[in-house]
Amino acid sequence: MNPFDYLIPVALAVVFAILCFGIFAMFRGGDFGRSWSNKAMRMRVVAQFVAIMILVAALWFKQQYG
């Protein structure tokens, strides 16, 4: 097994968890919503970028080393 078998599901789970937290913060509203919903969505974008880079690396690795 290669490390991508573990990294890909973990990266997707992190993106999903941050997305759920951001939606929760947005719907909760108030001071909590104002301070956390935008931060959570920014963290989600960064996590999605990392997840996509892991997927690209996994595809490259599979292409190079079979």
PDB file of N, CA and C in Angstrom:
ATOM      1  N   MET A   1       0.848  -1.186   0.000  1.00  0.00           N
ATOM      2  CA  MET A   1       0.000   0.000   0.000  1.00  0.00           C
ATOM      3  C   MET A   1       0.889   1.243   0.000  1.00  0.00           C
ATOM      4  N   ASN A   2       0.436   2.226  -0.722  1.00  0.00           N
ATOM      5  CA  ASN A   2       1.200   3.469  -0.727  1.00  0.00           C
ATOM      6  C   ASN A   2       0.524   4.494   0.194  1.00  0.00           C
ATOM      7  N   PRO A   3       1.226   5.564   0.536  1.00  0.00           N
ATOM      8  CA  PRO A   3       0.681   6.537   1.486  1.00  0.00           C
ATOM      9  C   PRO A   3      -0.566   7.265   0.975  1.00  0.00           C
ATOM     10  N   PHE A   4      -0.767   7.261  -0.332  1.00  0.00           N
ATOM     11  CA  PHE A   4      -1.931   7.955  -0.870  1.00  0.00           C
ATOM     12  C   PHE A   4      -3.235   7.240  -0.512  1.00  0.00           C
ATOM     13  N   ASP A   5      -3.139   5.942  -0.204  1.00  0.00           N
ATOM     14  CA  ASP A   5      -4.333   5.209   0.225  1.00  0.00           C
ATOM     15  C   ASP A   5      -4.890   5.769   1.535  1.00  0.00           C
ATOM     16  N   TYR A   6      -4.039   6.404   2.310  1.00  0.00           N
ATOM     17  CA  TYR A   6      -4.474   7.017   3.567  1.00  0.00           C
ATOM     18  C   TYR A   6      -4.657   8.522   3.438  1.00  0.00           C
ATOM     19  N   LEU A   7      -3.810   9.162   2.656  1.00  0.00           N
ATOM     20  CA  LEU A   7      -3.847  10.623   2.551  1.00  0.00           C
ATOM     21  C   LEU A   7      -5.115  11.136   1.866  1.00  0.00           C
ATOM     22  N   ILE A   8      -5.553  10.462   0.825  1.00  0.00           N
ATOM     23  CA  ILE A   8      -6.720  10.946   0.079  1.00  0.00           C
ATOM     24  C   ILE A   8      -7.980  10.951   0.945  1.00  0.00           C
ATOM     25  N   PRO A   9      -8.334   9.849   1.626  1.00  0.00           N
ATOM     26  CA  PRO A   9      -9.535   9.908   2.480  1.00  0.00           C
ATOM     27  C   PRO A   9      -9.418  10.909   3.629  1.00  0.00           C
ATOM     28  N   VAL A  10      -8.219  11.038   4.186  1.00  0.00           N
ATOM     29  CA  VAL A  10      -8.036  12.007   5.281  1.00  0.00           C
ATOM     30  C   VAL A  10      -8.233  13.427   4.765  1.00  0.00           C
ATOM     31  N   ALA A  11      -7.670  13.740   3.607  1.00  0.00           N
ATOM     32  CA  ALA A  11      -7.823  15.086   3.042  1.00  0.00           C
ATOM     33  C   ALA A  11      -9.285  15.387   2.733  1.00  0.00           C
ATOM     34  N   LEU A  12      -9.995  14.414   2.182  1.00  0.00           N
ATOM     35  CA  LEU A  12     -11.412  14.627   1.882  1.00  0.00           C
ATOM     36  C   LEU A  12     -12.231  14.786   3.153  1.00  0.00           C
ATOM     37  N   ALA A  13     -11.899  14.033   4.192  1.00  0.00           N
ATOM     38  CA  ALA A  13     -12.612  14.157   5.468  1.00  0.00           C
ATOM     39  C   ALA A  13     -12.368  15.521   6.110  1.00  0.00           C
ATOM     40  N   VAL A  14     -11.144  16.028   5.992  1.00  0.00           N
ATOM     41  CA  VAL A  14     -10.834  17.352   6.543  1.00  0.00           C
ATOM     42  C   VAL A  14     -11.632  18.428   5.813  1.00  0.00           C
ATOM     43  N   VAL A  15     -11.691  18.347   4.493  1.00  0.00           N
ATOM     44  CA  VAL A  15     -12.473  19.314   3.715  1.00  0.00           C
ATOM     45  C   VAL A  15     -13.937  19.253   4.119  1.00  0.00           C
ATOM     46  N   PHE A  16     -14.467  18.052   4.263  1.00  0.00           N
ATOM     47  CA  PHE A  16     -15.876  17.903   4.644  1.00  0.00           C
ATOM     48  C   PHE A  16     -16.139  18.449   6.047  1.00  0.00           C
ATOM     49  N   ALA A  17     -15.231  18.186   6.985  1.00  0.00           N
ATOM     50  CA  ALA A  17     -15.405  18.683   8.358  1.00  0.00           C
ATOM     51  C   ALA A  17     -15.373  20.207   8.400  1.00  0.00           C
ATOM     52  N   ILE A  18     -14.451  20.816   7.667  1.00  0.00           N
ATOM     53  CA  ILE A  18     -14.367  22.278   7.647  1.00  0.00           C
ATOM     54  C   ILE A  18     -15.614  22.862   6.984  1.00  0.00           C
ATOM     55  N   LEU A  19     -16.093  22.211   5.920  1.00  0.00           N
ATOM     56  CA  LEU A  19     -17.315  22.669   5.264  1.00  0.00           C
ATOM     57  C   LEU A  19     -18.496  22.620   6.224  1.00  0.00           C
ATOM     58  N   CYS A  20     -18.638  21.528   6.961  1.00  0.00           N
ATOM     59  CA  CYS A  20     -19.738  21.415   7.930  1.00  0.00           C
ATOM     60  C   CYS A  20     -19.637  22.467   9.022  1.00  0.00           C
ATOM     61  N   PHE A  21     -18.418  22.710   9.511  1.00  0.00           N
ATOM     62  CA  PHE A  21     -18.238  23.738  10.528  1.00  0.00           C
ATOM     63  C   PHE A  21     -18.585  25.119   9.994  1.00  0.00           C
ATOM     64  N   GLY A  22     -18.183  25.413   8.766  1.00  0.00           N
ATOM     65  CA  GLY A  22     -18.490  26.715   8.170  1.00  0.00           C
ATOM     66  C   GLY A  22     -19.983  26.922   7.984  1.00  0.00           C
ATOM     67  N   ILE A  23     -20.681  25.882   7.556  1.00  0.00           N
ATOM     68  CA  ILE A  23     -22.135  25.982   7.394  1.00  0.00           C
ATOM     69  C   ILE A  23     -22.804  26.162   8.752  1.00  0.00           C
ATOM     70  N   PHE A  24     -22.323  25.417   9.762  1.00  0.00           N
ATOM     71  CA  PHE A  24     -22.854  25.566  11.113  1.00  0.00           C
ATOM     72  C   PHE A  24     -22.652  26.990  11.619  1.00  0.00           C
ATOM     73  N   ALA A  25     -21.461  27.537  11.420  1.00  0.00           N
ATOM     74  CA  ALA A  25     -21.174  28.897  11.886  1.00  0.00           C
ATOM     75  C   ALA A  25     -22.039  29.917  11.161  1.00  0.00           C
ATOM     76  N   MET A  26     -22.264  29.700   9.866  1.00  0.00           N
ATOM     77  CA  MET A  26     -23.070  30.642   9.097  1.00  0.00           C
ATOM     78  C   MET A  26     -24.519  30.638   9.573  1.00  0.00           C
ATOM     79  N   PHE A  27     -25.068  29.463   9.829  1.00  0.00           N
ATOM     80  CA  PHE A  27     -26.462  29.388  10.248  1.00  0.00           C
ATOM     81  C   PHE A  27     -26.656  29.742  11.715  1.00  0.00           C
ATOM     82  N   ARG A  28     -25.621  29.613  12.525  1.00  0.00           N
ATOM     83  CA  ARG A  28     -25.751  29.988  13.930  1.00  0.00           C
ATOM     84  C   ARG A  28     -25.892  31.497  14.078  1.00  0.00           C
ATOM     85  N   GLY A  29     -25.133  32.225  13.267  1.00  0.00           N
ATOM     86  CA  GLY A  29     -25.262  33.682  13.253  1.00  0.00           C
ATOM     87  C   GLY A  29     -24.654  34.345  14.475  1.00  0.00           C
ATOM     88  N   GLY A  30     -25.013  35.591  14.670  1.00  0.00           N
ATOM     89  CA  GLY A  30     -24.502  36.360  15.802  1.00  0.00           C
ATOM     90  C   GLY A  30     -23.020  36.634  15.677  1.00  0.00           C
ATOM     91  N   ASP A  31     -22.395  36.910  16.821  1.00  0.00           N
ATOM     92  CA  ASP A  31     -20.960  37.193  16.840  1.00  0.00           C
ATOM     93  C   ASP A  31     -20.149  35.981  16.409  1.00  0.00           C
ATOM     94  N   PHE A  32     -20.600  34.811  16.818  1.00  0.00           N
ATOM     95  CA  PHE A  32     -19.889  33.579  16.430  1.00  0.00           C
ATOM     96  C   PHE A  32     -19.900  33.413  14.919  1.00  0.00           C
ATOM     97  N   GLY A  33     -21.045  33.606  14.308  1.00  0.00           N
ATOM     98  CA  GLY A  33     -21.162  33.459  12.863  1.00  0.00           C
ATOM     99  C   GLY A  33     -20.341  34.480  12.104  1.00  0.00           C
ATOM    100  N   ARG A  34     -20.350  35.714  12.580  1.00  0.00           N
ATOM    101  CA  ARG A  34     -19.584  36.751  11.896  1.00  0.00           C
ATOM    102  C   ARG A  34     -18.089  36.488  11.966  1.00  0.00           C
ATOM    103  N   SER A  35     -17.630  35.981  13.091  1.00  0.00           N
ATOM    104  CA  SER A  35     -16.181  35.815  13.234  1.00  0.00           C
ATOM    105  C   SER A  35     -15.668  34.503  12.649  1.00  0.00           C
ATOM    106  N   TRP A  36     -16.500  33.463  12.587  1.00  0.00           N
ATOM    107  CA  TRP A  36     -16.003  32.159  12.171  1.00  0.00           C
ATOM    108  C   TRP A  36     -16.430  31.691  10.787  1.00  0.00           C
ATOM    109  N   SER A  37     -17.556  32.127  10.273  1.00  0.00           N
ATOM    110  CA  SER A  37     -18.019  31.569   9.003  1.00  0.00           C
ATOM    111  C   SER A  37     -17.063  31.913   7.856  1.00  0.00           C
ATOM    112  N   ASN A  38     -16.596  33.152   7.804  1.00  0.00           N
ATOM    113  CA  ASN A  38     -15.673  33.545   6.737  1.00  0.00           C
ATOM    114  C   ASN A  38     -14.307  32.869   6.907  1.00  0.00           C
ATOM    115  N   LYS A  39     -13.835  32.762   8.152  1.00  0.00           N
ATOM    116  CA  LYS A  39     -12.564  32.079   8.401  1.00  0.00           C
ATOM    117  C   LYS A  39     -12.646  30.610   8.013  1.00  0.00           C
ATOM    118  N   ALA A  40     -13.769  29.984   8.314  1.00  0.00           N
ATOM    119  CA  ALA A  40     -13.932  28.565   7.989  1.00  0.00           C
ATOM    120  C   ALA A  40     -13.964  28.356   6.475  1.00  0.00           C
ATOM    121  N   MET A  41     -14.595  29.251   5.758  1.00  0.00           N
ATOM    122  CA  MET A  41     -14.630  29.089   4.311  1.00  0.00           C
ATOM    123  C   MET A  41     -13.247  29.313   3.684  1.00  0.00           C
ATOM    124  N   ARG A  42     -12.456  30.189   4.274  1.00  0.00           N
ATOM    125  CA  ARG A  42     -11.082  30.361   3.794  1.00  0.00           C
ATOM    126  C   ARG A  42     -10.254  29.107   4.079  1.00  0.00           C
ATOM    127  N   MET A  43     -10.443  28.532   5.271  1.00  0.00           N
ATOM    128  CA  MET A  43      -9.742  27.292   5.595  1.00  0.00           C
ATOM    129  C   MET A  43     -10.172  26.173   4.652  1.00  0.00           C
ATOM    130  N   ARG A  44     -11.439  26.162   4.258  1.00  0.00           N
ATOM    131  CA  ARG A  44     -11.937  25.140   3.342  1.00  0.00           C
ATOM    132  C   ARG A  44     -11.256  25.246   1.989  1.00  0.00           C
ATOM    133  N   VAL A  45     -11.070  26.466   1.506  1.00  0.00           N
ATOM    134  CA  VAL A  45     -10.413  26.661   0.215  1.00  0.00           C
ATOM    135  C   VAL A  45      -8.975  26.139   0.285  1.00  0.00           C
ATOM    136  N   VAL A  46      -8.275  26.417   1.366  1.00  0.00           N
ATOM    137  CA  VAL A  46      -6.907  25.930   1.525  1.00  0.00           C
ATOM    138  C   VAL A  46      -6.902  24.402   1.611  1.00  0.00           C
ATOM    139  N   ALA A  47      -7.839  23.839   2.361  1.00  0.00           N
ATOM    140  CA  ALA A  47      -7.914  22.383   2.487  1.00  0.00           C
ATOM    141  C   ALA A  47      -8.253  21.736   1.147  1.00  0.00           C
ATOM    142  N   GLN A  48      -9.114  22.360   0.372  1.00  0.00           N
ATOM    143  CA  GLN A  48      -9.428  21.828  -0.953  1.00  0.00           C
ATOM    144  C   GLN A  48      -8.200  21.870  -1.861  1.00  0.00           C
ATOM    145  N   PHE A  49      -7.434  22.929  -1.782  1.00  0.00           N
ATOM    146  CA  PHE A  49      -6.216  23.023  -2.573  1.00  0.00           C
ATOM    147  C   PHE A  49      -5.252  21.897  -2.209  1.00  0.00           C
ATOM    148  N   VAL A  50      -5.085  21.656  -0.919  1.00  0.00           N
ATOM    149  CA  VAL A  50      -4.201  20.581  -0.470  1.00  0.00           C
ATOM    150  C   VAL A  50      -4.729  19.231  -0.944  1.00  0.00           C
ATOM    151  N   ALA A  51      -6.042  19.016  -0.847  1.00  0.00           N
ATOM    152  CA  ALA A  51      -6.628  17.755  -1.298  1.00  0.00           C
ATOM    153  C   ALA A  51      -6.425  17.552  -2.791  1.00  0.00           C
ATOM    154  N   ILE A  52      -6.579  18.591  -3.570  1.00  0.00           N
ATOM    155  CA  ILE A  52      -6.366  18.479  -5.018  1.00  0.00           C
ATOM    156  C   ILE A  52      -4.902  18.193  -5.320  1.00  0.00           C
ATOM    157  N   MET A  53      -3.985  18.826  -4.594  1.00  0.00           N
ATOM    158  CA  MET A  53      -2.569  18.553  -4.804  1.00  0.00           C
ATOM    159  C   MET A  53      -2.228  17.103  -4.444  1.00  0.00           C
ATOM    160  N   ILE A  54      -2.853  16.569  -3.410  1.00  0.00           N
ATOM    161  CA  ILE A  54      -2.633  15.164  -3.054  1.00  0.00           C
ATOM    162  C   ILE A  54      -3.154  14.250  -4.153  1.00  0.00           C
ATOM    163  N   LEU A  55      -4.328  14.573  -4.702  1.00  0.00           N
ATOM    164  CA  LEU A  55      -4.870  13.769  -5.802  1.00  0.00           C
ATOM    165  C   LEU A  55      -3.979  13.828  -7.036  1.00  0.00           C
ATOM    166  N   VAL A  56      -3.490  15.002  -7.361  1.00  0.00           N
ATOM    167  CA  VAL A  56      -2.597  15.143  -8.523  1.00  0.00           C
ATOM    168  C   VAL A  56      -1.306  14.362  -8.281  1.00  0.00           C
ATOM    169  N   ALA A  57      -0.770  14.451  -7.076  1.00  0.00           N
ATOM    170  CA  ALA A  57       0.453  13.708  -6.764  1.00  0.00           C
ATOM    171  C   ALA A  57       0.210  12.202  -6.842  1.00  0.00           C
ATOM    172  N   ALA A  58      -0.955  11.748  -6.394  1.00  0.00           N
ATOM    173  CA  ALA A  58      -1.273  10.320  -6.463  1.00  0.00           C
ATOM    174  C   ALA A  58      -1.371   9.859  -7.916  1.00  0.00           C
ATOM    175  N   LEU A  59      -1.996  10.659  -8.747  1.00  0.00           N
ATOM    176  CA  LEU A  59      -2.088  10.299 -10.166  1.00  0.00           C
ATOM    177  C   LEU A  59      -0.719  10.298 -10.825  1.00  0.00           C
ATOM    178  N   TRP A  60       0.103  11.278 -10.511  1.00  0.00           N
ATOM    179  CA  TRP A  60       1.451  11.321 -11.065  1.00  0.00           C
ATOM    180  C   TRP A  60       2.265  10.117 -10.613  1.00  0.00           C
ATOM    181  N   PHE A  61       2.175   9.806  -9.310  1.00  0.00           N
ATOM    182  CA  PHE A  61       2.900   8.671  -8.755  1.00  0.00           C
ATOM    183  C   PHE A  61       2.464   7.365  -9.419  1.00  0.00           C
ATOM    184  N   LYS A  62       1.158   7.213  -9.619  1.00  0.00           N
ATOM    185  CA  LYS A  62       0.659   5.986 -10.254  1.00  0.00           C
ATOM    186  C   LYS A  62       1.127   5.897 -11.703  1.00  0.00           C
ATOM    187  N   GLN A  63       1.158   7.025 -12.385  1.00  0.00           N
ATOM    188  CA  GLN A  63       1.595   7.028 -13.779  1.00  0.00           C
ATOM    189  C   GLN A  63       3.100   6.715 -13.894  1.00  0.00           C
ATOM    190  N   GLN A  64       3.884   7.234 -12.969  1.00  0.00           N
ATOM    191  CA  GLN A  64       5.329   7.051 -13.043  1.00  0.00           C
ATOM    192  C   GLN A  64       5.769   5.672 -12.575  1.00  0.00           C
ATOM    193  N   TYR A  65       5.153   5.185 -11.511  1.00  0.00           N
ATOM    194  CA  TYR A  65       5.634   3.954 -10.889  1.00  0.00           C
ATOM    195  C   TYR A  65       4.646   2.792 -10.976  1.00  0.00           C
ATOM    196  N   GLY A  66       3.548   2.999 -11.686  1.00  0.00           N
ATOM    197  CA  GLY A  66       2.605   1.929 -11.954  1.00  0.00           C
ATOM    198  C   GLY A  66       1.840   1.539 -10.750  1.00  0.00           C
TER     199      GLY A  66
END
